[in-house]
Amino acid sequence: MDTTASIVICVAALAGLLVAERRASQVGKWLTKPVASAAFMAVAVTSGALDSDYGRLILLGLGLCLLGDVLLIPEGRLAVFRAGVFAFLAGHVAFAAAFLTQPRSLPWLAVAAVALALALSGVWRWLSPRLPADMRRPVQAYFLVISAMTALACAVSGAGGPPIVAAGAIAFTASDISVARDRFVRQEFANRAWGLPLYYLAQVLLALSPSAISG
């Protein structure tokens, strides 16, 4: 299977997932979400992820995200939800480690860090009153990790790396907001209608990056 075929499968499975989400079909989610997520891993493999340290770390991050995707399918199980969030947190750490293998621009890193701090502090002020007490510290830790990951991605792109690195990381961070809103503010299809396409776009962009970046 080549890269294009893997992307087509990801898009088709995503379309099916959105239908399943709209119909609140757990069976539909189980049939489509793992396929969509496995497809972005296939994109990484066909993009040369196994041929460099950078690519292998990206593949690890994608694999952890696939695990998180599966763990977030069941509803009403807080322990499983927390395990899914931890898997995504570990995925962000793996992506950050991948970006640390590449040249980075310190000015881009600084600007991105400030911009992310401002943006996510606003999100925190909006979200924190709605968080259960036992979720406040985990969410703060998650925000710190995604900020570091995204700032590093911007620094890589700013140093001459492919723009899809920064674009993928930024899209991933934005998609996390839809998950937080759906879980802690208001559960509705509208969150998933924009969050899921943005999430899968982010993963495909990151999965494509090994073919466009040095080891």
N, C-alpha and C. Protein backbone atom coordinates (compact mmCIF):
# COMPACT_ATOMS: atom_id res chain seq x y z
N MET A 1 0.85 -1.20 0.00
CA MET A 1 0.00 0.00 0.00
C MET A 1 0.89 1.25 0.00
N ASP A 2 0.60 2.22 -0.87
CA ASP A 2 1.42 3.42 -0.91
C ASP A 2 0.80 4.53 -0.05
N THR A 3 1.50 5.66 -0.02
CA THR A 3 1.09 6.77 0.85
C THR A 3 -0.28 7.30 0.46
N THR A 4 -0.52 7.47 -0.84
CA THR A 4 -1.80 8.01 -1.29
C THR A 4 -2.96 7.11 -0.88
N ALA A 5 -2.79 5.81 -1.06
CA ALA A 5 -3.84 4.87 -0.69
C ALA A 5 -4.13 4.94 0.81
N SER A 6 -3.08 5.07 1.62
CA SER A 6 -3.25 5.16 3.06
C SER A 6 -4.02 6.42 3.45
N ILE A 7 -3.72 7.52 2.78
CA ILE A 7 -4.43 8.77 3.06
C ILE A 7 -5.90 8.64 2.67
N VAL A 8 -6.16 8.02 1.52
CA VAL A 8 -7.54 7.82 1.07
C VAL A 8 -8.32 6.98 2.09
N ILE A 9 -7.69 5.93 2.59
CA ILE A 9 -8.35 5.09 3.59
C ILE A 9 -8.62 5.89 4.87
N CYS A 10 -7.67 6.71 5.27
CA CYS A 10 -7.85 7.54 6.46
C CYS A 10 -9.03 8.49 6.30
N VAL A 11 -9.10 9.14 5.15
CA VAL A 11 -10.20 10.09 4.89
C VAL A 11 -11.55 9.37 4.84
N ALA A 12 -11.59 8.21 4.19
CA ALA A 12 -12.84 7.46 4.09
C ALA A 12 -13.30 6.98 5.47
N ALA A 13 -12.35 6.48 6.27
CA ALA A 13 -12.70 6.03 7.62
C ALA A 13 -13.13 7.20 8.50
N LEU A 14 -12.48 8.35 8.32
CA LEU A 14 -12.88 9.55 9.06
C LEU A 14 -14.31 9.94 8.71
N ALA A 15 -14.67 9.89 7.43
CA ALA A 15 -16.04 10.21 7.03
C ALA A 15 -17.03 9.26 7.71
N GLY A 16 -16.68 7.98 7.73
CA GLY A 16 -17.54 7.02 8.41
C GLY A 16 -17.61 7.29 9.90
N LEU A 17 -16.49 7.70 10.50
CA LEU A 17 -16.47 8.01 11.92
C LEU A 17 -17.37 9.19 12.25
N LEU A 18 -17.35 10.20 11.40
CA LEU A 18 -18.21 11.36 11.64
C LEU A 18 -19.69 10.98 11.56
N VAL A 19 -20.03 10.09 10.64
CA VAL A 19 -21.40 9.59 10.57
C VAL A 19 -21.75 8.84 11.85
N ALA A 20 -20.84 8.00 12.31
CA ALA A 20 -21.07 7.24 13.53
C ALA A 20 -21.22 8.16 14.74
N GLU A 21 -20.40 9.21 14.79
CA GLU A 21 -20.51 10.17 15.88
C GLU A 21 -21.85 10.90 15.84
N ARG A 22 -22.27 11.27 14.64
CA ARG A 22 -23.55 11.98 14.51
C ARG A 22 -24.71 11.11 14.94
N ARG A 23 -24.61 9.80 14.67
CA ARG A 23 -25.68 8.87 15.04
C ARG A 23 -25.48 8.26 16.41
N ALA A 24 -24.41 8.66 17.09
CA ALA A 24 -24.08 8.11 18.41
C ALA A 24 -24.00 6.59 18.37
N SER A 25 -23.38 6.06 17.33
CA SER A 25 -23.27 4.62 17.14
C SER A 25 -21.92 4.12 17.65
N GLN A 26 -21.93 3.40 18.76
CA GLN A 26 -20.68 2.85 19.29
C GLN A 26 -20.10 1.81 18.34
N VAL A 27 -20.96 1.01 17.73
CA VAL A 27 -20.49 0.02 16.77
C VAL A 27 -19.78 0.71 15.61
N GLY A 28 -20.40 1.78 15.12
CA GLY A 28 -19.79 2.53 14.02
C GLY A 28 -18.44 3.11 14.39
N LYS A 29 -18.32 3.59 15.63
CA LYS A 29 -17.04 4.15 16.08
C LYS A 29 -15.96 3.06 16.13
N TRP A 30 -16.33 1.89 16.64
CA TRP A 30 -15.36 0.80 16.72
C TRP A 30 -14.94 0.32 15.33
N LEU A 31 -15.85 0.44 14.36
CA LEU A 31 -15.54 -0.03 13.01
C LEU A 31 -14.69 0.97 12.22
N THR A 32 -14.76 2.24 12.58
CA THR A 32 -14.11 3.27 11.76
C THR A 32 -12.90 3.94 12.40
N LYS A 33 -12.98 4.23 13.68
CA LYS A 33 -11.90 5.00 14.31
C LYS A 33 -10.55 4.27 14.31
N PRO A 34 -10.51 2.99 14.70
CA PRO A 34 -9.21 2.30 14.63
C PRO A 34 -8.65 2.23 13.21
N VAL A 35 -9.53 2.12 12.22
CA VAL A 35 -9.07 2.06 10.83
C VAL A 35 -8.44 3.40 10.42
N ALA A 36 -9.13 4.49 10.76
CA ALA A 36 -8.60 5.82 10.43
C ALA A 36 -7.25 6.06 11.08
N SER A 37 -7.12 5.63 12.32
CA SER A 37 -5.87 5.85 13.05
C SER A 37 -4.76 4.92 12.57
N ALA A 38 -5.10 3.68 12.26
CA ALA A 38 -4.09 2.77 11.70
C ALA A 38 -3.60 3.29 10.36
N ALA A 39 -4.50 3.96 9.62
CA ALA A 39 -4.11 4.48 8.30
C ALA A 39 -3.06 5.57 8.42
N PHE A 40 -3.15 6.44 9.46
CA PHE A 40 -2.09 7.47 9.54
C PHE A 40 -0.76 6.84 9.94
N MET A 41 -0.79 5.73 10.63
CA MET A 41 0.47 5.03 10.89
C MET A 41 1.04 4.45 9.60
N ALA A 42 0.17 3.95 8.74
CA ALA A 42 0.62 3.43 7.45
C ALA A 42 1.22 4.55 6.60
N VAL A 43 0.64 5.74 6.69
CA VAL A 43 1.21 6.89 5.98
C VAL A 43 2.65 7.13 6.44
N ALA A 44 2.89 7.05 7.75
CA ALA A 44 4.24 7.27 8.27
C ALA A 44 5.21 6.21 7.76
N VAL A 45 4.78 4.95 7.77
CA VAL A 45 5.67 3.87 7.33
C VAL A 45 6.03 4.05 5.86
N THR A 46 5.03 4.38 5.03
CA THR A 46 5.31 4.56 3.60
C THR A 46 6.06 5.85 3.32
N SER A 47 6.12 6.73 4.32
CA SER A 47 6.88 7.98 4.17
C SER A 47 8.29 7.85 4.73
N GLY A 48 8.70 6.62 5.05
CA GLY A 48 10.08 6.40 5.48
C GLY A 48 10.33 6.56 6.95
N ALA A 49 9.30 6.40 7.78
CA ALA A 49 9.47 6.61 9.22
C ALA A 49 10.43 5.63 9.86
N LEU A 50 10.59 4.46 9.27
CA LEU A 50 11.47 3.45 9.86
C LEU A 50 12.94 3.67 9.53
N ASP A 51 13.23 4.68 8.72
CA ASP A 51 14.59 4.86 8.21
C ASP A 51 15.42 5.89 8.97
N SER A 52 14.86 6.51 10.02
CA SER A 52 15.62 7.52 10.77
C SER A 52 15.13 7.56 12.21
N ASP A 53 15.96 8.12 13.09
CA ASP A 53 15.55 8.29 14.49
C ASP A 53 14.33 9.21 14.56
N TYR A 54 14.36 10.28 13.77
CA TYR A 54 13.21 11.18 13.73
C TYR A 54 11.95 10.42 13.36
N GLY A 55 12.01 9.67 12.28
CA GLY A 55 10.84 8.97 11.81
C GLY A 55 10.33 7.94 12.80
N ARG A 56 11.25 7.23 13.45
CA ARG A 56 10.83 6.21 14.41
C ARG A 56 10.14 6.84 15.62
N LEU A 57 10.62 8.00 16.04
CA LEU A 57 9.95 8.70 17.16
C LEU A 57 8.58 9.22 16.74
N ILE A 58 8.47 9.71 15.51
CA ILE A 58 7.16 10.12 14.99
C ILE A 58 6.21 8.92 14.97
N LEU A 59 6.70 7.78 14.51
CA LEU A 59 5.88 6.57 14.46
C LEU A 59 5.45 6.14 15.86
N LEU A 60 6.36 6.26 16.83
CA LEU A 60 6.00 5.95 18.22
C LEU A 60 4.88 6.88 18.69
N GLY A 61 5.02 8.18 18.41
CA GLY A 61 3.99 9.12 18.81
C GLY A 61 2.64 8.80 18.19
N LEU A 62 2.67 8.46 16.91
CA LEU A 62 1.42 8.10 16.23
C LEU A 62 0.81 6.84 16.82
N GLY A 63 1.66 5.87 17.17
CA GLY A 63 1.15 4.65 17.78
C GLY A 63 0.50 4.90 19.12
N LEU A 64 1.09 5.79 19.91
CA LEU A 64 0.49 6.15 21.20
C LEU A 64 -0.84 6.88 21.00
N CYS A 65 -0.91 7.69 19.96
CA CYS A 65 -2.17 8.37 19.66
C CYS A 65 -3.24 7.38 19.20
N LEU A 66 -2.83 6.39 18.42
CA LEU A 66 -3.77 5.34 18.02
C LEU A 66 -4.32 4.65 19.27
N LEU A 67 -3.45 4.35 20.23
CA LEU A 67 -3.91 3.75 21.49
C LEU A 67 -4.88 4.67 22.20
N GLY A 68 -4.55 5.96 22.24
CA GLY A 68 -5.46 6.92 22.86
C GLY A 68 -6.80 6.99 22.17
N ASP A 69 -6.79 6.94 20.84
CA ASP A 69 -8.04 6.96 20.09
C ASP A 69 -8.94 5.80 20.48
N VAL A 70 -8.36 4.61 20.59
CA VAL A 70 -9.15 3.43 20.94
C VAL A 70 -9.67 3.54 22.37
N LEU A 71 -8.83 4.03 23.28
CA LEU A 71 -9.25 4.13 24.68
C LEU A 71 -10.35 5.17 24.89
N LEU A 72 -10.46 6.15 23.99
CA LEU A 72 -11.50 7.17 24.13
C LEU A 72 -12.83 6.77 23.50
N ILE A 73 -12.87 5.61 22.86
CA ILE A 73 -14.14 5.17 22.27
C ILE A 73 -15.19 4.83 23.33
N PRO A 74 -14.87 4.03 24.36
CA PRO A 74 -15.89 3.71 25.37
C PRO A 74 -16.39 4.98 26.06
N GLU A 75 -17.65 4.98 26.43
CA GLU A 75 -18.24 6.13 27.10
C GLU A 75 -18.53 5.81 28.56
N GLY A 76 -18.39 6.84 29.40
CA GLY A 76 -18.76 6.69 30.79
C GLY A 76 -17.77 5.94 31.65
N ARG A 77 -16.54 5.76 31.18
CA ARG A 77 -15.53 5.05 31.96
C ARG A 77 -14.37 6.00 32.21
N LEU A 78 -14.36 6.62 33.39
CA LEU A 78 -13.38 7.66 33.69
C LEU A 78 -11.96 7.11 33.68
N ALA A 79 -11.77 5.92 34.22
CA ALA A 79 -10.42 5.35 34.27
C ALA A 79 -9.87 5.12 32.86
N VAL A 80 -10.73 4.65 31.95
CA VAL A 80 -10.31 4.42 30.57
C VAL A 80 -10.03 5.75 29.89
N PHE A 81 -10.86 6.76 30.16
CA PHE A 81 -10.63 8.09 29.60
C PHE A 81 -9.28 8.63 30.04
N ARG A 82 -8.97 8.47 31.34
CA ARG A 82 -7.69 8.96 31.84
C ARG A 82 -6.52 8.22 31.19
N ALA A 83 -6.69 6.93 30.98
CA ALA A 83 -5.65 6.16 30.30
C ALA A 83 -5.45 6.67 28.88
N GLY A 84 -6.55 7.01 28.21
CA GLY A 84 -6.47 7.56 26.86
C GLY A 84 -5.74 8.90 26.84
N VAL A 85 -6.06 9.76 27.81
CA VAL A 85 -5.38 11.05 27.90
C VAL A 85 -3.88 10.85 28.14
N PHE A 86 -3.54 9.88 29.01
CA PHE A 86 -2.12 9.60 29.27
C PHE A 86 -1.42 9.12 28.00
N ALA A 87 -2.11 8.31 27.20
CA ALA A 87 -1.52 7.84 25.94
C ALA A 87 -1.23 9.01 25.01
N PHE A 88 -2.17 9.96 24.93
CA PHE A 88 -1.93 11.14 24.09
C PHE A 88 -0.80 11.99 24.65
N LEU A 89 -0.75 12.11 25.98
CA LEU A 89 0.34 12.86 26.60
C LEU A 89 1.69 12.25 26.24
N ALA A 90 1.77 10.92 26.32
CA ALA A 90 3.01 10.23 25.94
C ALA A 90 3.30 10.42 24.46
N GLY A 91 2.25 10.46 23.65
CA GLY A 91 2.43 10.71 22.21
C GLY A 91 3.04 12.08 21.96
N HIS A 92 2.57 13.09 22.68
CA HIS A 92 3.14 14.43 22.54
C HIS A 92 4.61 14.44 22.94
N VAL A 93 4.96 13.69 23.99
CA VAL A 93 6.36 13.61 24.41
C VAL A 93 7.21 12.97 23.32
N ALA A 94 6.69 11.92 22.69
CA ALA A 94 7.43 11.27 21.59
C ALA A 94 7.63 12.23 20.42
N PHE A 95 6.60 13.00 20.08
CA PHE A 95 6.75 13.98 19.00
C PHE A 95 7.79 15.02 19.37
N ALA A 96 7.74 15.50 20.61
CA ALA A 96 8.73 16.49 21.05
C ALA A 96 10.15 15.92 20.95
N ALA A 97 10.30 14.65 21.34
CA ALA A 97 11.62 14.01 21.23
C ALA A 97 12.07 13.94 19.78
N ALA A 98 11.13 13.68 18.87
CA ALA A 98 11.47 13.66 17.44
C ALA A 98 11.97 15.04 17.00
N PHE A 99 11.31 16.08 17.43
CA PHE A 99 11.71 17.42 17.00
C PHE A 99 13.07 17.81 17.58
N LEU A 100 13.41 17.25 18.74
CA LEU A 100 14.71 17.54 19.34
C LEU A 100 15.86 16.92 18.55
N THR A 101 15.58 15.99 17.65
CA THR A 101 16.65 15.41 16.82
C THR A 101 17.00 16.32 15.65
N GLN A 102 16.24 17.40 15.46
CA GLN A 102 16.42 18.26 14.28
C GLN A 102 16.98 19.63 14.66
N PRO A 103 17.60 20.32 13.71
CA PRO A 103 18.02 21.71 13.96
C PRO A 103 16.80 22.56 14.32
N ARG A 104 17.00 23.52 15.23
CA ARG A 104 15.90 24.35 15.70
C ARG A 104 16.31 25.82 15.70
N SER A 105 15.35 26.68 15.43
CA SER A 105 15.56 28.13 15.47
C SER A 105 15.14 28.65 16.84
N LEU A 106 16.09 29.23 17.58
CA LEU A 106 15.76 29.75 18.91
C LEU A 106 14.77 30.91 18.85
N PRO A 107 14.90 31.84 17.88
CA PRO A 107 13.88 32.90 17.81
C PRO A 107 12.47 32.34 17.55
N TRP A 108 12.36 31.37 16.66
CA TRP A 108 11.06 30.76 16.41
C TRP A 108 10.56 30.04 17.66
N LEU A 109 11.44 29.38 18.36
CA LEU A 109 11.06 28.69 19.58
C LEU A 109 10.50 29.68 20.60
N ALA A 110 11.18 30.81 20.76
CA ALA A 110 10.75 31.81 21.74
C ALA A 110 9.40 32.42 21.37
N VAL A 111 9.27 32.80 20.10
CA VAL A 111 8.01 33.41 19.66
C VAL A 111 6.85 32.42 19.80
N ALA A 112 7.08 31.18 19.39
CA ALA A 112 6.03 30.17 19.49
C ALA A 112 5.66 29.90 20.94
N ALA A 113 6.66 29.84 21.81
CA ALA A 113 6.40 29.58 23.23
C ALA A 113 5.55 30.69 23.84
N VAL A 114 5.86 31.94 23.51
CA VAL A 114 5.07 33.06 24.03
C VAL A 114 3.64 33.02 23.49
N ALA A 115 3.51 32.79 22.18
CA ALA A 115 2.18 32.75 21.57
C ALA A 115 1.33 31.62 22.17
N LEU A 116 1.95 30.46 22.35
CA LEU A 116 1.23 29.33 22.93
C LEU A 116 0.86 29.59 24.38
N ALA A 117 1.76 30.21 25.13
CA ALA A 117 1.47 30.52 26.53
C ALA A 117 0.26 31.45 26.63
N LEU A 118 0.21 32.45 25.76
CA LEU A 118 -0.92 33.38 25.78
C LEU A 118 -2.22 32.67 25.38
N ALA A 119 -2.15 31.88 24.31
CA ALA A 119 -3.36 31.20 23.82
C ALA A 119 -3.87 30.18 24.83
N LEU A 120 -2.98 29.36 25.36
CA LEU A 120 -3.43 28.30 26.25
C LEU A 120 -3.77 28.81 27.64
N SER A 121 -3.20 29.94 28.04
CA SER A 121 -3.62 30.53 29.32
C SER A 121 -5.06 31.02 29.21
N GLY A 122 -5.44 31.51 28.03
CA GLY A 122 -6.83 31.90 27.81
C GLY A 122 -7.76 30.69 27.83
N VAL A 123 -7.31 29.61 27.20
CA VAL A 123 -8.10 28.37 27.23
C VAL A 123 -8.23 27.86 28.66
N TRP A 124 -7.15 27.96 29.43
CA TRP A 124 -7.18 27.49 30.81
C TRP A 124 -8.17 28.29 31.65
N ARG A 125 -8.19 29.60 31.48
CA ARG A 125 -9.12 30.43 32.24
C ARG A 125 -10.57 30.06 31.92
N TRP A 126 -10.81 29.72 30.66
CA TRP A 126 -12.16 29.32 30.24
C TRP A 126 -12.51 27.92 30.74
N LEU A 127 -11.53 27.02 30.73
CA LEU A 127 -11.80 25.62 31.03
C LEU A 127 -11.74 25.29 32.51
N SER A 128 -10.84 25.91 33.26
CA SER A 128 -10.56 25.47 34.63
C SER A 128 -11.77 25.48 35.56
N PRO A 129 -12.69 26.46 35.46
CA PRO A 129 -13.84 26.40 36.37
C PRO A 129 -14.74 25.18 36.13
N ARG A 130 -14.61 24.55 34.98
CA ARG A 130 -15.46 23.42 34.63
C ARG A 130 -14.80 22.07 34.91
N LEU A 131 -13.54 22.09 35.33
CA LEU A 131 -12.81 20.85 35.54
C LEU A 131 -13.08 20.28 36.94
N PRO A 132 -13.24 18.95 37.04
CA PRO A 132 -13.25 18.32 38.36
C PRO A 132 -11.93 18.59 39.06
N ALA A 133 -11.95 18.65 40.38
CA ALA A 133 -10.75 18.99 41.14
C ALA A 133 -9.59 18.04 40.83
N ASP A 134 -9.90 16.75 40.64
CA ASP A 134 -8.83 15.78 40.43
C ASP A 134 -8.29 15.79 39.00
N MET A 135 -8.87 16.62 38.13
CA MET A 135 -8.39 16.71 36.75
C MET A 135 -7.61 17.99 36.47
N ARG A 136 -7.55 18.89 37.44
CA ARG A 136 -6.91 20.18 37.20
C ARG A 136 -5.40 20.03 36.95
N ARG A 137 -4.73 19.29 37.81
CA ARG A 137 -3.28 19.12 37.63
C ARG A 137 -2.95 18.32 36.37
N PRO A 138 -3.66 17.21 36.09
CA PRO A 138 -3.37 16.50 34.84
C PRO A 138 -3.56 17.36 33.60
N VAL A 139 -4.60 18.20 33.60
CA VAL A 139 -4.83 19.06 32.44
C VAL A 139 -3.74 20.13 32.34
N GLN A 140 -3.31 20.66 33.47
CA GLN A 140 -2.20 21.62 33.45
C GLN A 140 -0.93 20.98 32.88
N ALA A 141 -0.66 19.76 33.31
CA ALA A 141 0.52 19.05 32.80
C ALA A 141 0.39 18.82 31.31
N TYR A 142 -0.81 18.47 30.87
CA TYR A 142 -1.04 18.23 29.44
C TYR A 142 -0.80 19.51 28.66
N PHE A 143 -1.28 20.63 29.17
CA PHE A 143 -1.07 21.91 28.48
C PHE A 143 0.42 22.23 28.37
N LEU A 144 1.18 21.97 29.41
CA LEU A 144 2.62 22.25 29.37
C LEU A 144 3.31 21.40 28.31
N VAL A 145 2.93 20.13 28.25
CA VAL A 145 3.57 19.22 27.29
C VAL A 145 3.22 19.59 25.85
N ILE A 146 1.93 19.88 25.59
CA ILE A 146 1.57 20.22 24.21
C ILE A 146 2.17 21.56 23.80
N SER A 147 2.33 22.46 24.77
CA SER A 147 2.98 23.74 24.45
C SER A 147 4.43 23.51 24.05
N ALA A 148 5.14 22.68 24.83
CA ALA A 148 6.53 22.40 24.51
C ALA A 148 6.66 21.70 23.16
N MET A 149 5.80 20.71 22.92
CA MET A 149 5.84 19.98 21.65
C MET A 149 5.61 20.91 20.46
N THR A 150 4.60 21.75 20.57
CA THR A 150 4.26 22.63 19.45
C THR A 150 5.31 23.71 19.24
N ALA A 151 5.84 24.25 20.32
CA ALA A 151 6.91 25.25 20.19
C ALA A 151 8.14 24.64 19.51
N LEU A 152 8.48 23.42 19.88
CA LEU A 152 9.62 22.75 19.24
C LEU A 152 9.35 22.50 17.76
N ALA A 153 8.11 22.13 17.43
CA ALA A 153 7.76 21.91 16.02
C ALA A 153 7.93 23.20 15.22
N CYS A 154 7.47 24.31 15.79
CA CYS A 154 7.63 25.60 15.11
C CYS A 154 9.10 25.96 14.96
N ALA A 155 9.91 25.62 15.96
CA ALA A 155 11.34 25.90 15.89
C ALA A 155 12.02 25.09 14.79
N VAL A 156 11.56 23.85 14.60
CA VAL A 156 12.10 23.01 13.53
C VAL A 156 11.76 23.60 12.16
N SER A 157 10.49 23.96 11.98
CA SER A 157 10.08 24.56 10.70
C SER A 157 10.80 25.90 10.48
N GLY A 158 10.95 26.67 11.56
CA GLY A 158 11.62 27.96 11.45
C GLY A 158 13.08 27.85 11.11
N ALA A 159 13.70 26.70 11.40
CA ALA A 159 15.11 26.50 11.09
C ALA A 159 15.31 25.92 9.69
N GLY A 160 14.26 25.87 8.90
CA GLY A 160 14.37 25.36 7.54
C GLY A 160 13.74 24.00 7.35
N GLY A 161 13.14 23.45 8.40
CA GLY A 161 12.44 22.19 8.27
C GLY A 161 11.13 22.38 7.52
N PRO A 162 10.48 21.29 7.15
CA PRO A 162 9.24 21.40 6.38
C PRO A 162 8.12 22.08 7.17
N PRO A 163 7.34 22.95 6.53
CA PRO A 163 6.23 23.62 7.22
C PRO A 163 5.20 22.66 7.80
N ILE A 164 5.08 21.46 7.23
CA ILE A 164 4.07 20.52 7.73
C ILE A 164 4.36 20.09 9.17
N VAL A 165 5.59 20.23 9.63
CA VAL A 165 5.89 19.89 11.03
C VAL A 165 5.15 20.85 11.96
N ALA A 166 5.33 22.15 11.75
CA ALA A 166 4.63 23.13 12.58
C ALA A 166 3.13 23.06 12.37
N ALA A 167 2.70 22.92 11.12
CA ALA A 167 1.26 22.88 10.83
C ALA A 167 0.60 21.70 11.53
N GLY A 168 1.26 20.54 11.49
CA GLY A 168 0.69 19.36 12.14
C GLY A 168 0.59 19.53 13.64
N ALA A 169 1.64 20.07 14.25
CA ALA A 169 1.63 20.25 15.70
C ALA A 169 0.57 21.27 16.13
N ILE A 170 0.44 22.36 15.39
CA ILE A 170 -0.55 23.38 15.72
C ILE A 170 -1.96 22.83 15.57
N ALA A 171 -2.20 22.08 14.49
CA ALA A 171 -3.52 21.48 14.29
C ALA A 171 -3.85 20.48 15.39
N PHE A 172 -2.85 19.72 15.83
CA PHE A 172 -3.05 18.76 16.91
C PHE A 172 -3.45 19.49 18.19
N THR A 173 -2.74 20.56 18.51
CA THR A 173 -3.05 21.33 19.72
C THR A 173 -4.46 21.90 19.65
N ALA A 174 -4.83 22.44 18.50
CA ALA A 174 -6.18 23.00 18.35
C ALA A 174 -7.25 21.93 18.50
N SER A 175 -6.97 20.73 17.96
CA SER A 175 -7.97 19.67 18.04
C SER A 175 -8.17 19.21 19.48
N ASP A 176 -7.13 19.33 20.31
CA ASP A 176 -7.27 18.95 21.71
C ASP A 176 -8.29 19.81 22.43
N ILE A 177 -8.46 21.04 21.97
CA ILE A 177 -9.44 21.93 22.60
C ILE A 177 -10.85 21.39 22.39
N SER A 178 -11.10 20.82 21.22
CA SER A 178 -12.43 20.25 20.97
C SER A 178 -12.71 19.08 21.91
N VAL A 179 -11.67 18.28 22.20
CA VAL A 179 -11.84 17.15 23.12
C VAL A 179 -12.15 17.66 24.52
N ALA A 180 -11.41 18.69 24.95
CA ALA A 180 -11.63 19.25 26.28
C ALA A 180 -13.04 19.84 26.40
N ARG A 181 -13.47 20.55 25.36
CA ARG A 181 -14.81 21.13 25.40
C ARG A 181 -15.88 20.05 25.45
N ASP A 182 -15.66 18.98 24.67
CA ASP A 182 -16.66 17.91 24.63
C ASP A 182 -16.72 17.17 25.96
N ARG A 183 -15.58 17.02 26.60
CA ARG A 183 -15.54 16.25 27.84
C ARG A 183 -15.98 17.06 29.05
N PHE A 184 -15.56 18.33 29.11
CA PHE A 184 -15.73 19.09 30.34
C PHE A 184 -16.71 20.25 30.26
N VAL A 185 -17.09 20.68 29.05
CA VAL A 185 -17.97 21.83 28.93
C VAL A 185 -19.35 21.42 28.43
N ARG A 186 -19.40 20.94 27.20
CA ARG A 186 -20.69 20.52 26.63
C ARG A 186 -20.45 19.43 25.61
N GLN A 187 -21.05 18.30 25.85
CA GLN A 187 -20.88 17.16 24.94
C GLN A 187 -21.87 17.28 23.80
N GLU A 188 -21.35 17.48 22.60
CA GLU A 188 -22.21 17.61 21.43
C GLU A 188 -21.42 17.29 20.17
N PHE A 189 -22.13 16.92 19.12
CA PHE A 189 -21.48 16.53 17.87
C PHE A 189 -20.67 17.66 17.27
N ALA A 190 -21.08 18.89 17.49
CA ALA A 190 -20.37 20.03 16.90
C ALA A 190 -18.88 20.02 17.26
N ASN A 191 -18.55 19.60 18.47
CA ASN A 191 -17.14 19.53 18.88
C ASN A 191 -16.37 18.56 18.01
N ARG A 192 -16.95 17.41 17.77
CA ARG A 192 -16.30 16.38 16.97
C ARG A 192 -16.32 16.70 15.48
N ALA A 193 -17.32 17.48 15.05
CA ALA A 193 -17.44 17.80 13.63
C ALA A 193 -16.25 18.60 13.13
N TRP A 194 -15.67 19.45 13.98
CA TRP A 194 -14.47 20.17 13.57
C TRP A 194 -13.20 19.59 14.19
N GLY A 195 -13.32 19.02 15.39
CA GLY A 195 -12.14 18.52 16.07
C GLY A 195 -11.54 17.28 15.42
N LEU A 196 -12.38 16.34 15.01
CA LEU A 196 -11.85 15.11 14.41
C LEU A 196 -11.15 15.35 13.06
N PRO A 197 -11.75 16.10 12.12
CA PRO A 197 -11.01 16.38 10.88
C PRO A 197 -9.68 17.09 11.14
N LEU A 198 -9.67 18.02 12.09
CA LEU A 198 -8.43 18.73 12.40
C LEU A 198 -7.40 17.78 13.01
N TYR A 199 -7.85 16.89 13.86
CA TYR A 199 -6.96 15.90 14.47
C TYR A 199 -6.33 14.98 13.43
N TYR A 200 -7.15 14.44 12.54
CA TYR A 200 -6.61 13.52 11.54
C TYR A 200 -5.74 14.24 10.52
N LEU A 201 -6.07 15.49 10.21
CA LEU A 201 -5.18 16.29 9.37
C LEU A 201 -3.82 16.43 10.05
N ALA A 202 -3.82 16.73 11.34
CA ALA A 202 -2.57 16.88 12.08
C ALA A 202 -1.74 15.60 12.03
N GLN A 203 -2.39 14.47 12.25
CA GLN A 203 -1.66 13.22 12.28
C GLN A 203 -1.09 12.86 10.90
N VAL A 204 -1.85 13.11 9.87
CA VAL A 204 -1.35 12.82 8.52
C VAL A 204 -0.17 13.73 8.17
N LEU A 205 -0.25 15.00 8.54
CA LEU A 205 0.86 15.91 8.28
C LEU A 205 2.13 15.46 9.01
N LEU A 206 1.99 15.09 10.26
CA LEU A 206 3.14 14.60 11.01
C LEU A 206 3.65 13.27 10.42
N ALA A 207 2.72 12.44 9.99
CA ALA A 207 3.11 11.16 9.40
C ALA A 207 3.86 11.33 8.09
N LEU A 208 3.56 12.39 7.36
CA LEU A 208 4.24 12.67 6.09
C LEU A 208 5.62 13.29 6.30
N SER A 209 5.86 13.84 7.47
CA SER A 209 7.08 14.62 7.67
C SER A 209 8.38 13.84 7.55
N PRO A 210 8.45 12.53 7.87
CA PRO A 210 9.74 11.84 7.71
C PRO A 210 10.28 11.86 6.28
N SER A 211 9.38 11.92 5.29
CA SER A 211 9.85 11.94 3.90
C SER A 211 10.38 13.31 3.49
N ALA A 212 10.12 14.33 4.35
CA ALA A 212 10.51 15.68 3.98
C ALA A 212 11.59 16.26 4.89
N ILE A 213 12.11 15.42 5.78
CA ILE A 213 13.04 15.94 6.78
C ILE A 213 14.25 15.03 6.85
N SER A 214 15.37 15.57 7.27
CA SER A 214 16.57 14.76 7.41
C SER A 214 16.50 13.92 8.67
N GLY A 215 17.27 12.84 8.72
CA GLY A 215 17.29 11.97 9.89
C GLY A 215 17.89 12.64 11.09
